[in-house]
Amino acid sequence: MRLDKYLKVSRLIKRRTVANEACDAGRVMINDKVARASAEVKEGDVICIAFGNRETKVKVLSIQESIRKEDADNMFEYITS
């Protein structure tokens, strides 16, 4: 699954366009490498997102095309936030 879509479906970022902009600005990394919005996300990947002066790091647990809002937090686990 594309990185921008994963960020939206998992609700780490609310909108796909915002996820695209974050990737274009170099604020999203997969496994310690700057990632483009089109990068493929796999189970076990570590995604790091820089929000201003705060950084969120999550491990991908599952990939699903669509999911209910209540279950979205089962797609990843926070490493640091």
C-alpha atoms as a PDB file:
ATOM      1  CA  MET A   1       0.000   0.000   0.000  1.00  0.00           C
ATOM      2  CA  ARG A   2       1.208   3.530  -0.742  1.00  0.00           C
ATOM      3  CA  LEU A   3       2.557   5.478   2.234  1.00  0.00           C
ATOM      4  CA  ASP A   4       0.152   8.416   1.856  1.00  0.00           C
ATOM      5  CA  LYS A   5      -2.853   6.075   1.742  1.00  0.00           C
ATOM      6  CA  TYR A   6      -1.622   4.104   4.764  1.00  0.00           C
ATOM      7  CA  LEU A   7      -1.225   7.283   6.813  1.00  0.00           C
ATOM      8  CA  LYS A   8      -4.804   8.277   5.986  1.00  0.00           C
ATOM      9  CA  VAL A   9      -6.421   4.843   6.486  1.00  0.00           C
ATOM     10  CA  SER A  10      -4.613   4.311   9.813  1.00  0.00           C
ATOM     11  CA  ARG A  11      -5.593   7.869  10.785  1.00  0.00           C
ATOM     12  CA  LEU A  12      -2.065   8.894  11.700  1.00  0.00           C
ATOM     13  CA  ILE A  13      -2.732  11.871   9.388  1.00  0.00           C
ATOM     14  CA  LYS A  14      -6.331  12.924   8.740  1.00  0.00           C
ATOM     15  CA  ARG A  15      -6.173  13.734   5.019  1.00  0.00           C
ATOM     16  CA  ARG A  16      -4.286  12.122   2.160  1.00  0.00           C
ATOM     17  CA  THR A  17      -3.292  15.511   0.727  1.00  0.00           C
ATOM     18  CA  VAL A  18      -1.744  16.461   4.078  1.00  0.00           C
ATOM     19  CA  ALA A  19       0.098  13.122   4.092  1.00  0.00           C
ATOM     20  CA  ASN A  20       1.370  13.887   0.557  1.00  0.00           C
ATOM     21  CA  GLU A  21       2.602  17.327   1.648  1.00  0.00           C
ATOM     22  CA  ALA A  22       4.382  15.876   4.701  1.00  0.00           C
ATOM     23  CA  CYS A  23       6.139  13.325   2.479  1.00  0.00           C
ATOM     24  CA  ASP A  24       7.121  15.989  -0.074  1.00  0.00           C
ATOM     25  CA  ALA A  25       8.580  18.123   2.729  1.00  0.00           C
ATOM     26  CA  GLY A  26      10.739  15.187   3.892  1.00  0.00           C
ATOM     27  CA  ARG A  27       9.042  14.870   7.291  1.00  0.00           C
ATOM     28  CA  VAL A  28       8.115  11.183   6.906  1.00  0.00           C
ATOM     29  CA  MET A  29      10.667   8.365   7.100  1.00  0.00           C
ATOM     30  CA  ILE A  30      10.335   4.613   6.669  1.00  0.00           C
ATOM     31  CA  ASN A  31      13.037   2.531   8.357  1.00  0.00           C
ATOM     32  CA  ASP A  32      15.235   5.659   8.846  1.00  0.00           C
ATOM     33  CA  LYS A  33      15.082   6.687   5.167  1.00  0.00           C
ATOM     34  CA  VAL A  34      13.178   9.713   3.862  1.00  0.00           C
ATOM     35  CA  ALA A  35      10.129   8.354   2.053  1.00  0.00           C
ATOM     36  CA  ARG A  36       8.063   9.637  -0.845  1.00  0.00           C
ATOM     37  CA  ALA A  37       4.272   9.434  -0.815  1.00  0.00           C
ATOM     38  CA  SER A  38       4.403   6.592  -3.345  1.00  0.00           C
ATOM     39  CA  ALA A  39       6.690   4.397  -1.186  1.00  0.00           C
ATOM     40  CA  GLU A  40       5.306   0.938  -0.423  1.00  0.00           C
ATOM     41  CA  VAL A  41       4.510   0.186   3.219  1.00  0.00           C
ATOM     42  CA  LYS A  42       4.886  -3.390   4.485  1.00  0.00           C
ATOM     43  CA  GLU A  43       4.136  -5.040   7.827  1.00  0.00           C
ATOM     44  CA  GLY A  44       7.051  -4.582  10.208  1.00  0.00           C
ATOM     45  CA  ASP A  45       8.133  -1.209   8.772  1.00  0.00           C
ATOM     46  CA  VAL A  46       8.878   1.613  11.201  1.00  0.00           C
ATOM     47  CA  ILE A  47       7.363   4.961  10.181  1.00  0.00           C
ATOM     48  CA  CYS A  48       8.633   8.180  11.736  1.00  0.00           C
ATOM     49  CA  ILE A  49       6.630  11.403  11.274  1.00  0.00           C
ATOM     50  CA  ALA A  50       7.906  14.838  12.326  1.00  0.00           C
ATOM     51  CA  PHE A  51       5.129  17.155  13.532  1.00  0.00           C
ATOM     52  CA  GLY A  52       6.775  20.507  14.227  1.00  0.00           C
ATOM     53  CA  ASN A  53       9.034  19.948  17.242  1.00  0.00           C
ATOM     54  CA  ARG A  54       7.432  16.555  18.034  1.00  0.00           C
ATOM     55  CA  GLU A  55       8.204  13.211  16.454  1.00  0.00           C
ATOM     56  CA  THR A  56       5.905  10.172  16.269  1.00  0.00           C
ATOM     57  CA  LYS A  57       7.352   6.729  15.618  1.00  0.00           C
ATOM     58  CA  VAL A  58       5.101   3.748  14.892  1.00  0.00           C
ATOM     59  CA  LYS A  59       5.553   0.126  13.818  1.00  0.00           C
ATOM     60  CA  VAL A  60       3.209  -1.155  11.095  1.00  0.00           C
ATOM     61  CA  LEU A  61       1.263  -4.181  12.366  1.00  0.00           C
ATOM     62  CA  SER A  62      -1.225  -4.679   9.539  1.00  0.00           C
ATOM     63  CA  ILE A  63      -2.216  -3.225   6.180  1.00  0.00           C
ATOM     64  CA  GLN A  64      -5.873  -2.960   5.205  1.00  0.00           C
ATOM     65  CA  GLU A  65      -7.527  -1.040   2.379  1.00  0.00           C
ATOM     66  CA  SER A  66     -10.382   0.177   4.576  1.00  0.00           C
ATOM     67  CA  ILE A  67     -11.104  -0.079   8.276  1.00  0.00           C
ATOM     68  CA  ARG A  68     -13.563   1.298  10.813  1.00  0.00           C
ATOM     69  CA  LYS A  69     -12.406   4.340  12.768  1.00  0.00           C
ATOM     70  CA  GLU A  70     -12.572   2.428  16.064  1.00  0.00           C
ATOM     71  CA  ASP A  71     -10.237  -0.290  14.770  1.00  0.00           C
ATOM     72  CA  ALA A  72      -7.703   1.957  13.009  1.00  0.00           C
ATOM     73  CA  ASP A  73      -5.309   1.993  15.981  1.00  0.00           C
ATOM     74  CA  ASN A  74      -4.865  -1.793  15.593  1.00  0.00           C
ATOM     75  CA  MET A  75      -2.966  -1.150  12.334  1.00  0.00           C
ATOM     76  CA  PHE A  76       0.116   0.188  14.179  1.00  0.00           C
ATOM     77  CA  GLU A  77       1.785   0.413  17.580  1.00  0.00           C
ATOM     78  CA  TYR A  78       3.491   3.492  18.976  1.00  0.00           C
ATOM     79  CA  ILE A  79       7.211   3.142  19.613  1.00  0.00           C
ATOM     80  CA  THR A  80       7.720   6.753  20.776  1.00  0.00           C
ATOM     81  CA  SER A  81       5.552   9.801  20.513  1.00  0.00           C
END
